[in-house]
Amino acid sequence: MTNEDTKAFKNKRAVGSYGETLATNYLKEKGFVCLKRNFYTRYGEIDLICRKEETLYFVEVKYRRTLKYGSPREAVTPAKYKRMRLAAGQYLSQNNDSYQAVRFAFLGILERNGEEPVYDWLESIEF
């Protein structure tokens, strides 16, 4: 990995972490309790795992500062959803907590030119 690659990777991680912090704060305001951030498996990563009442949410967070690469919502594909389901299965098998329901959710955040972030919350996604 070149020095430029390392800088780009660190910057991408920092931007992702910032977006996840915004998402966590947004969801807390909506009554969610965030249980885990960045749950990694061999299938991929789940950005946030949250609970609201008796429902467990596996949340994909997409943060954008520009629409150059498309809207945040366009980044969630059937392939990403499939990886989320596999990773969620691993989380559920490792944790013995019980919930009335499990949902896969999406939170897109667009924050252009220092403006207030615009949130796009989809409480339940399926492909």
Protein backbone atom coordinates (compact mmCIF):
# COMPACT_ATOMS: atom_id res chain seq x y z
CA MET A 1 0.00 0.00 0.00
CA THR A 2 1.44 3.36 -1.00
CA ASN A 3 1.53 6.39 1.27
CA GLU A 4 -1.33 7.94 -0.74
CA ASP A 5 -3.36 4.72 -0.40
CA THR A 6 -2.82 4.79 3.37
CA LYS A 7 -3.98 8.41 3.61
CA ALA A 8 -7.07 7.69 1.49
CA PHE A 9 -7.92 4.64 3.61
CA LYS A 10 -7.55 6.57 6.87
CA ASN A 11 -9.63 9.43 5.49
CA LYS A 12 -12.37 7.04 4.33
CA ARG A 13 -12.40 5.41 7.77
CA ALA A 14 -12.58 8.81 9.48
CA VAL A 15 -15.47 9.91 7.25
CA GLY A 16 -17.28 6.62 7.91
CA SER A 17 -16.76 6.95 11.65
CA TYR A 18 -18.09 10.51 11.57
CA GLY A 19 -21.20 9.37 9.68
CA GLU A 20 -21.78 6.55 12.17
CA THR A 21 -21.51 9.05 15.04
CA LEU A 22 -24.15 11.26 13.39
CA ALA A 23 -26.32 8.17 12.87
CA THR A 24 -25.94 7.03 16.48
CA ASN A 25 -26.96 10.46 17.76
CA TYR A 26 -29.94 10.61 15.37
CA LEU A 27 -31.18 7.18 16.41
CA LYS A 28 -30.77 7.93 20.13
CA GLU A 29 -32.98 10.99 19.63
CA LYS A 30 -35.57 8.66 18.08
CA GLY A 31 -35.57 6.35 21.12
CA PHE A 32 -33.09 3.70 19.96
CA VAL A 33 -30.40 2.15 22.13
CA CYS A 34 -27.25 1.40 20.14
CA LEU A 35 -25.80 -1.92 21.27
CA LYS A 36 -22.88 -2.37 18.89
CA ARG A 37 -21.00 -0.38 16.30
CA ASN A 38 -18.99 -1.95 13.46
CA PHE A 39 -19.79 -5.62 13.98
CA TYR A 40 -17.33 -7.45 11.72
CA THR A 41 -17.77 -10.97 10.36
CA ARG A 42 -16.33 -12.93 7.47
CA TYR A 43 -19.47 -11.95 5.54
CA GLY A 44 -19.00 -8.23 6.05
CA GLU A 45 -19.72 -5.49 8.52
CA ILE A 46 -22.89 -4.24 10.14
CA ASP A 47 -22.51 -0.54 10.90
CA LEU A 48 -24.90 -0.32 13.85
CA ILE A 49 -26.90 -2.81 15.87
CA CYS A 50 -29.65 -1.07 17.81
CA ARG A 51 -32.69 -1.88 19.88
CA LYS A 52 -35.98 -0.05 20.18
CA GLU A 53 -38.45 -1.57 22.55
CA GLU A 54 -38.51 -5.30 21.68
CA THR A 55 -37.15 -4.97 18.14
CA LEU A 56 -33.52 -5.46 17.12
CA TYR A 57 -32.28 -3.38 14.16
CA PHE A 58 -29.30 -4.08 11.94
CA VAL A 59 -28.57 -0.67 10.43
CA GLU A 60 -26.60 0.15 7.31
CA VAL A 61 -25.30 3.74 7.46
CA LYS A 62 -24.28 5.66 4.35
CA TYR A 63 -22.84 9.13 4.76
CA ARG A 64 -22.22 11.42 1.82
CA ARG A 65 -20.84 14.94 1.49
CA THR A 66 -21.74 15.10 -2.19
CA LEU A 67 -23.94 13.29 -4.70
CA LYS A 68 -20.97 12.72 -7.01
CA TYR A 69 -21.17 8.95 -6.42
CA GLY A 70 -24.95 8.83 -6.09
CA SER A 71 -27.33 9.24 -3.19
CA PRO A 72 -26.71 7.33 0.03
CA ARG A 73 -29.75 5.15 -0.67
CA GLU A 74 -28.33 4.02 -4.03
CA ALA A 75 -25.40 2.40 -2.20
CA VAL A 76 -27.59 -0.29 -0.65
CA THR A 77 -27.74 -3.15 -3.13
CA PRO A 78 -29.22 -6.66 -3.00
CA ALA A 79 -25.66 -7.99 -2.56
CA LYS A 80 -25.08 -5.70 0.45
CA TYR A 81 -28.43 -6.77 1.93
CA LYS A 82 -27.46 -10.43 1.54
CA ARG A 83 -24.14 -9.82 3.36
CA MET A 84 -26.02 -7.98 6.12
CA ARG A 85 -28.37 -10.95 6.58
CA LEU A 86 -25.45 -13.38 6.84
CA ALA A 87 -23.62 -11.14 9.33
CA ALA A 88 -26.81 -10.67 11.34
CA GLY A 89 -27.22 -14.44 11.55
CA GLN A 90 -23.76 -14.67 13.05
CA TYR A 91 -24.56 -11.91 15.58
CA LEU A 92 -27.79 -13.62 16.59
CA SER A 93 -26.05 -16.97 17.04
CA GLN A 94 -23.45 -15.34 19.33
CA ASN A 95 -25.97 -13.43 21.45
CA ASN A 96 -28.72 -15.15 23.38
CA ASP A 97 -30.93 -12.09 23.73
CA SER A 98 -34.48 -12.52 22.50
CA TYR A 99 -36.48 -9.98 20.55
CA GLN A 100 -40.02 -9.94 19.24
CA ALA A 101 -38.78 -8.81 15.84
CA VAL A 102 -35.59 -8.30 13.86
CA ARG A 103 -35.34 -5.66 11.13
CA PHE A 104 -32.80 -4.55 8.59
CA ALA A 105 -32.76 -0.77 8.33
CA PHE A 106 -30.99 1.97 6.43
CA LEU A 107 -29.93 5.46 7.46
CA GLY A 108 -28.58 7.72 4.74
CA ILE A 109 -27.00 11.03 5.68
CA LEU A 110 -26.26 13.82 3.22
CA GLU A 111 -24.29 16.78 4.57
CA ARG A 112 -23.34 19.24 1.83
CA ASN A 113 -21.04 22.23 2.23
CA GLY A 114 -21.42 22.52 5.99
CA GLU A 115 -25.22 22.54 5.81
CA GLU A 116 -27.31 20.69 8.36
CA PRO A 117 -27.36 16.95 7.63
CA VAL A 118 -30.40 15.53 5.83
CA TYR A 119 -31.41 12.09 7.15
CA ASP A 120 -33.09 9.37 5.09
CA TRP A 121 -34.39 6.66 7.47
CA LEU A 122 -35.84 3.40 6.14
CA GLU A 123 -36.99 1.38 9.11
CA SER A 124 -37.27 -1.86 7.19
CA ILE A 125 -35.44 -2.84 4.00
CA GLU A 126 -35.78 -5.97 1.91
CA PHE A 127 -34.76 -7.06 -1.54
